[in-house]
Amino acid sequence: MSVKDLCHVCGEPASSRCDSCGGAACDSHYDAGSGLCVECEGGRRFS
C-alpha cells in the first residue's frame, strides 16, 4: 500500500486495506484481527 492512499472512511492517511471491500483504511477504521474496515465490520469503531 502506498502512503498516498487515504482512508475511505475519514480521508486520513491509510495504513491498511480491507480484506472484504478492498478500501484503504487508517488505524482507527481498520481491525487487524479481522482484516476488515469499520464499514465491513458493521459500523463498529476501533481505537
N, C-alpha and C. Protein backbone atom coordinates (compact mmCIF):
# COMPACT_ATOMS: atom_id res chain seq x y z
N MET A 1 0.84 -1.18 0.00
CA MET A 1 0.00 0.00 0.00
C MET A 1 0.88 1.23 0.00
N SER A 2 0.46 2.19 -0.74
CA SER A 2 1.18 3.45 -0.81
C SER A 2 0.80 4.36 0.35
N VAL A 3 1.76 5.14 0.82
CA VAL A 3 1.50 6.11 1.87
C VAL A 3 0.50 7.16 1.38
N LYS A 4 0.39 7.31 0.06
CA LYS A 4 -0.50 8.31 -0.53
C LYS A 4 -1.97 7.90 -0.44
N ASP A 5 -2.25 6.62 -0.14
CA ASP A 5 -3.64 6.17 -0.04
C ASP A 5 -4.31 6.81 1.17
N LEU A 6 -5.57 7.17 1.01
CA LEU A 6 -6.32 7.79 2.09
C LEU A 6 -7.45 6.87 2.54
N CYS A 7 -7.75 6.89 3.81
CA CYS A 7 -8.83 6.11 4.39
C CYS A 7 -10.14 6.46 3.70
N HIS A 8 -10.88 5.45 3.25
CA HIS A 8 -12.14 5.71 2.56
C HIS A 8 -13.25 6.11 3.52
N VAL A 9 -13.00 6.03 4.83
CA VAL A 9 -13.99 6.43 5.83
C VAL A 9 -13.80 7.89 6.24
N CYS A 10 -12.55 8.29 6.55
CA CYS A 10 -12.32 9.63 7.11
C CYS A 10 -11.38 10.51 6.28
N GLY A 11 -10.66 9.93 5.32
CA GLY A 11 -9.77 10.73 4.49
C GLY A 11 -8.36 10.92 5.05
N GLU A 12 -8.08 10.35 6.21
CA GLU A 12 -6.74 10.42 6.79
C GLU A 12 -5.82 9.42 6.07
N PRO A 13 -4.50 9.54 6.23
CA PRO A 13 -3.59 8.58 5.60
C PRO A 13 -3.92 7.15 6.02
N ALA A 14 -3.94 6.25 5.07
CA ALA A 14 -4.29 4.85 5.32
C ALA A 14 -3.05 4.01 5.61
N SER A 15 -3.24 3.00 6.44
CA SER A 15 -2.15 2.09 6.77
C SER A 15 -2.45 0.66 6.37
N SER A 16 -3.69 0.39 6.00
CA SER A 16 -4.11 -0.97 5.67
C SER A 16 -5.17 -0.95 4.59
N ARG A 17 -5.49 -2.15 4.09
CA ARG A 17 -6.54 -2.30 3.10
C ARG A 17 -7.48 -3.42 3.57
N CYS A 18 -8.77 -3.15 3.52
CA CYS A 18 -9.79 -4.11 3.96
C CYS A 18 -9.77 -5.36 3.10
N ASP A 19 -9.80 -6.52 3.76
CA ASP A 19 -9.82 -7.80 3.03
C ASP A 19 -11.14 -8.04 2.32
N SER A 20 -12.20 -7.40 2.77
CA SER A 20 -13.52 -7.62 2.18
C SER A 20 -13.81 -6.68 1.00
N CYS A 21 -13.76 -5.38 1.25
CA CYS A 21 -14.13 -4.41 0.20
C CYS A 21 -12.93 -3.86 -0.56
N GLY A 22 -11.72 -4.04 0.00
CA GLY A 22 -10.52 -3.54 -0.66
C GLY A 22 -10.25 -2.07 -0.42
N GLY A 23 -11.08 -1.41 0.39
CA GLY A 23 -10.90 0.00 0.67
C GLY A 23 -9.71 0.25 1.58
N ALA A 24 -9.01 1.36 1.34
CA ALA A 24 -7.91 1.76 2.21
C ALA A 24 -8.49 2.25 3.52
N ALA A 25 -7.80 1.96 4.64
CA ALA A 25 -8.31 2.36 5.96
C ALA A 25 -7.16 2.75 6.89
N CYS A 26 -7.43 3.75 7.73
CA CYS A 26 -6.46 4.16 8.75
C CYS A 26 -6.59 3.22 9.96
N ASP A 27 -5.69 3.36 10.92
CA ASP A 27 -5.72 2.51 12.10
C ASP A 27 -7.03 2.61 12.88
N SER A 28 -7.66 3.78 12.88
CA SER A 28 -8.91 3.98 13.62
C SER A 28 -10.10 3.29 12.95
N HIS A 29 -9.98 2.99 11.67
CA HIS A 29 -11.09 2.40 10.93
C HIS A 29 -10.77 1.02 10.36
N TYR A 30 -9.78 0.35 10.95
CA TYR A 30 -9.36 -0.97 10.48
C TYR A 30 -9.05 -1.87 11.66
N ASP A 31 -9.54 -3.09 11.62
CA ASP A 31 -9.25 -4.08 12.67
C ASP A 31 -8.31 -5.14 12.10
N ALA A 32 -7.07 -5.12 12.57
CA ALA A 32 -6.07 -6.05 12.06
C ALA A 32 -6.44 -7.50 12.36
N GLY A 33 -7.14 -7.73 13.46
CA GLY A 33 -7.54 -9.09 13.83
C GLY A 33 -8.47 -9.73 12.82
N SER A 34 -9.43 -8.96 12.33
CA SER A 34 -10.40 -9.48 11.37
C SER A 34 -9.99 -9.18 9.93
N GLY A 35 -9.14 -8.15 9.76
CA GLY A 35 -8.74 -7.74 8.43
C GLY A 35 -9.79 -6.90 7.73
N LEU A 36 -10.76 -6.37 8.50
CA LEU A 36 -11.86 -5.62 7.92
C LEU A 36 -11.88 -4.17 8.37
N CYS A 37 -12.43 -3.33 7.50
CA CYS A 37 -12.62 -1.92 7.86
C CYS A 37 -13.88 -1.80 8.72
N VAL A 38 -14.07 -0.62 9.30
CA VAL A 38 -15.22 -0.37 10.17
C VAL A 38 -16.54 -0.56 9.43
N GLU A 39 -16.60 -0.21 8.17
CA GLU A 39 -17.84 -0.37 7.41
C GLU A 39 -18.19 -1.83 7.19
N CYS A 40 -17.20 -2.66 6.90
CA CYS A 40 -17.45 -4.08 6.70
C CYS A 40 -17.69 -4.82 8.01
N GLU A 41 -17.19 -4.28 9.10
CA GLU A 41 -17.40 -4.84 10.43
C GLU A 41 -18.78 -4.46 10.97
N GLY A 42 -19.53 -3.68 10.23
CA GLY A 42 -20.86 -3.32 10.67
C GLY A 42 -20.95 -2.02 11.43
N GLY A 43 -19.99 -1.13 11.22
CA GLY A 43 -20.05 0.19 11.83
C GLY A 43 -19.34 0.32 13.17
N ARG A 44 -18.78 -0.75 13.68
CA ARG A 44 -18.06 -0.67 14.95
C ARG A 44 -16.77 0.13 14.77
N ARG A 45 -16.50 1.07 15.64
CA ARG A 45 -15.29 1.90 15.54
C ARG A 45 -14.19 1.30 16.39
N PHE A 46 -12.99 1.26 15.86
CA PHE A 46 -11.84 0.70 16.56
C PHE A 46 -11.00 1.81 17.15
N SER A 47 -10.32 1.52 18.25
CA SER A 47 -9.43 2.53 18.85
C SER A 47 -8.01 2.07 18.84
